[in-house]
Amino acid sequence: MSNIAFTINPTVTPHMVTDLREAVGWDRQEEDYPAAFRGYWATVGGFDATGTLVAWCAILSDGARHAVLLDVIVHPRYQRQGVGLRLVAQALAHIRAHNINIIHVDFLPEHRTFYEQCGFSTGLGGIIEDNNTYEG
């Protein structure tokens, strides 16, 4: 298993997160950062021995009952080594430490087994990804 150090609410730069997003084939979405950081209830970062961000998860919450995991990312070099399981476990432990007991996550069908291994029950849900910009 990889020697990754996990930190709750680590100090990270937008570039660190966008580089990790790009490493897994996602859009960098540089326009989202640093504004997105202000909207997160908490974050979890995983760092290798050189201090490079290699795992990341953002958490949204109402602070009372519900939390949502966002952007669960593990650098390809560290995938399939238990890093993702440890990342999600850290996020769940932090959420539960605040007595929040309904935890949501959205994922693509090919990630179902991973999230079931993390303890999630899967069922029906829905998501709208609207790439249009509206002016009001």
Protein backbone atom coordinates (compact mmCIF):
# COMPACT_ATOMS: atom_id res chain seq x y z
CA MET A 1 0.00 0.00 0.00
CA SER A 2 1.27 3.47 -0.88
CA ASN A 3 2.63 5.71 1.83
CA ILE A 4 0.22 8.62 1.48
CA ALA A 5 -0.38 11.12 4.30
CA PHE A 6 -3.97 12.36 4.50
CA THR A 7 -4.91 15.77 5.88
CA ILE A 8 -8.32 17.27 6.60
CA ASN A 9 -8.67 20.77 5.15
CA PRO A 10 -5.12 20.92 3.80
CA THR A 11 -3.66 24.10 2.42
CA VAL A 12 -3.59 23.60 -1.33
CA THR A 13 -3.31 25.90 -4.29
CA PRO A 14 -5.77 25.93 -7.19
CA HIS A 15 -2.94 24.70 -9.42
CA MET A 16 -2.46 21.58 -7.26
CA VAL A 17 -6.11 20.59 -7.64
CA THR A 18 -6.34 21.42 -11.33
CA ASP A 19 -3.16 19.43 -12.04
CA LEU A 20 -4.69 16.42 -10.27
CA ARG A 21 -7.94 16.81 -12.21
CA GLU A 22 -5.96 16.86 -15.45
CA ALA A 23 -3.92 13.80 -14.42
CA VAL A 24 -7.12 11.70 -14.28
CA GLY A 25 -8.39 13.04 -17.59
CA TRP A 26 -10.86 15.59 -16.25
CA ASP A 27 -11.15 19.19 -17.37
CA ARG A 28 -8.86 21.42 -15.31
CA GLN A 29 -11.73 23.85 -14.59
CA GLU A 30 -9.27 26.53 -13.53
CA GLU A 31 -12.09 29.08 -13.57
CA ASP A 32 -13.64 27.29 -10.54
CA TYR A 33 -10.70 27.86 -8.23
CA PRO A 34 -10.14 29.37 -5.74
CA ALA A 35 -13.87 30.25 -5.48
CA ALA A 36 -14.84 26.58 -5.05
CA PHE A 37 -12.62 26.29 -1.97
CA ARG A 38 -14.83 28.83 -0.17
CA GLY A 39 -17.93 26.72 -0.84
CA TYR A 40 -16.59 23.47 0.55
CA TRP A 41 -17.58 22.38 4.04
CA ALA A 42 -14.35 20.37 4.25
CA THR A 43 -11.71 18.78 2.05
CA VAL A 44 -9.36 15.82 2.32
CA GLY A 45 -5.96 15.81 0.66
CA GLY A 46 -3.54 12.94 0.24
CA PHE A 47 0.14 13.77 -0.18
CA ASP A 48 3.04 11.59 -1.27
CA ALA A 49 6.49 11.68 0.34
CA THR A 50 7.47 14.71 -1.77
CA GLY A 51 4.42 16.71 -0.64
CA THR A 52 2.65 16.38 -3.99
CA LEU A 53 -1.15 16.28 -3.87
CA VAL A 54 -2.06 12.82 -5.21
CA ALA A 55 -5.56 12.36 -3.77
CA TRP A 56 -8.38 14.83 -3.20
CA CYS A 57 -11.99 14.91 -2.08
CA ALA A 58 -14.25 17.87 -1.39
CA ILE A 59 -17.24 17.71 0.95
CA LEU A 60 -20.43 19.76 0.95
CA SER A 61 -22.70 19.66 3.99
CA ASP A 62 -25.59 21.34 5.72
CA GLY A 63 -23.68 20.75 8.95
CA ALA A 64 -26.61 18.92 10.51
CA ARG A 65 -27.66 15.78 8.67
CA HIS A 66 -26.45 15.59 5.05
CA ALA A 67 -23.05 15.60 3.38
CA VAL A 68 -22.02 15.05 -0.21
CA LEU A 69 -18.65 13.85 -1.49
CA LEU A 70 -17.41 15.69 -4.58
CA ASP A 71 -14.49 15.15 -6.90
CA VAL A 72 -13.01 12.02 -5.37
CA ILE A 73 -9.70 11.94 -7.28
CA VAL A 74 -6.63 9.72 -7.06
CA HIS A 75 -3.64 10.25 -9.34
CA PRO A 76 -3.33 7.33 -11.79
CA ARG A 77 0.11 6.46 -10.40
CA TYR A 78 -1.59 5.64 -7.04
CA GLN A 79 -4.80 4.02 -8.24
CA ARG A 80 -5.61 0.40 -7.36
CA GLN A 81 -3.39 0.57 -4.29
CA GLY A 82 -6.06 1.33 -1.67
CA VAL A 83 -5.48 5.09 -1.76
CA GLY A 84 -9.02 5.84 -2.91
CA LEU A 85 -10.50 3.63 -0.19
CA ARG A 86 -8.39 5.41 2.42
CA LEU A 87 -9.31 8.83 1.00
CA VAL A 88 -13.04 8.12 1.21
CA ALA A 89 -12.61 6.55 4.68
CA GLN A 90 -10.93 9.74 5.90
CA ALA A 91 -13.78 11.84 4.47
CA LEU A 92 -16.43 9.59 6.03
CA ALA A 93 -14.70 9.64 9.43
CA HIS A 94 -14.56 13.44 9.38
CA ILE A 95 -18.21 13.69 8.41
CA ARG A 96 -19.32 11.19 11.07
CA ALA A 97 -17.25 12.98 13.73
CA HIS A 98 -19.67 15.87 13.20
CA ASN A 99 -22.69 13.59 13.75
CA ILE A 100 -23.75 13.85 10.12
CA ASN A 101 -25.36 10.57 9.19
CA ILE A 102 -26.65 10.81 5.62
CA ILE A 103 -23.79 10.82 3.14
CA HIS A 104 -24.32 11.08 -0.60
CA VAL A 105 -22.03 10.53 -3.56
CA ASP A 106 -22.64 10.62 -7.30
CA PHE A 107 -20.54 8.47 -9.61
CA LEU A 108 -20.41 6.91 -13.02
CA PRO A 109 -21.64 3.30 -13.32
CA GLU A 110 -18.11 1.96 -13.76
CA HIS A 111 -17.25 3.18 -10.24
CA ARG A 112 -20.14 1.39 -8.52
CA THR A 113 -18.03 -1.44 -7.12
CA PHE A 114 -15.51 1.02 -5.66
CA TYR A 115 -18.19 2.98 -3.80
CA GLU A 116 -19.85 -0.20 -2.59
CA GLN A 117 -16.45 -1.23 -1.17
CA CYS A 118 -16.42 2.14 0.61
CA GLY A 119 -19.72 1.22 2.27
CA PHE A 120 -22.21 3.05 0.08
CA SER A 121 -25.49 1.45 -0.91
CA THR A 122 -26.32 2.15 -4.50
CA GLY A 123 -29.73 2.85 -5.86
CA LEU A 124 -31.57 5.29 -8.00
CA GLY A 125 -30.59 8.91 -8.16
CA GLY A 126 -30.28 11.63 -10.66
CA ILE A 127 -28.02 14.42 -11.76
CA ILE A 128 -28.25 17.30 -14.19
CA GLU A 129 -24.99 18.50 -15.67
CA ASP A 130 -25.99 21.68 -17.42
CA ASN A 131 -23.15 23.29 -19.33
CA ASN A 132 -25.23 26.26 -20.42
CA THR A 133 -24.69 29.68 -18.93
CA TYR A 134 -27.85 31.57 -18.14
CA GLU A 135 -28.22 35.27 -17.68
CA GLY A 136 -30.95 36.35 -15.36
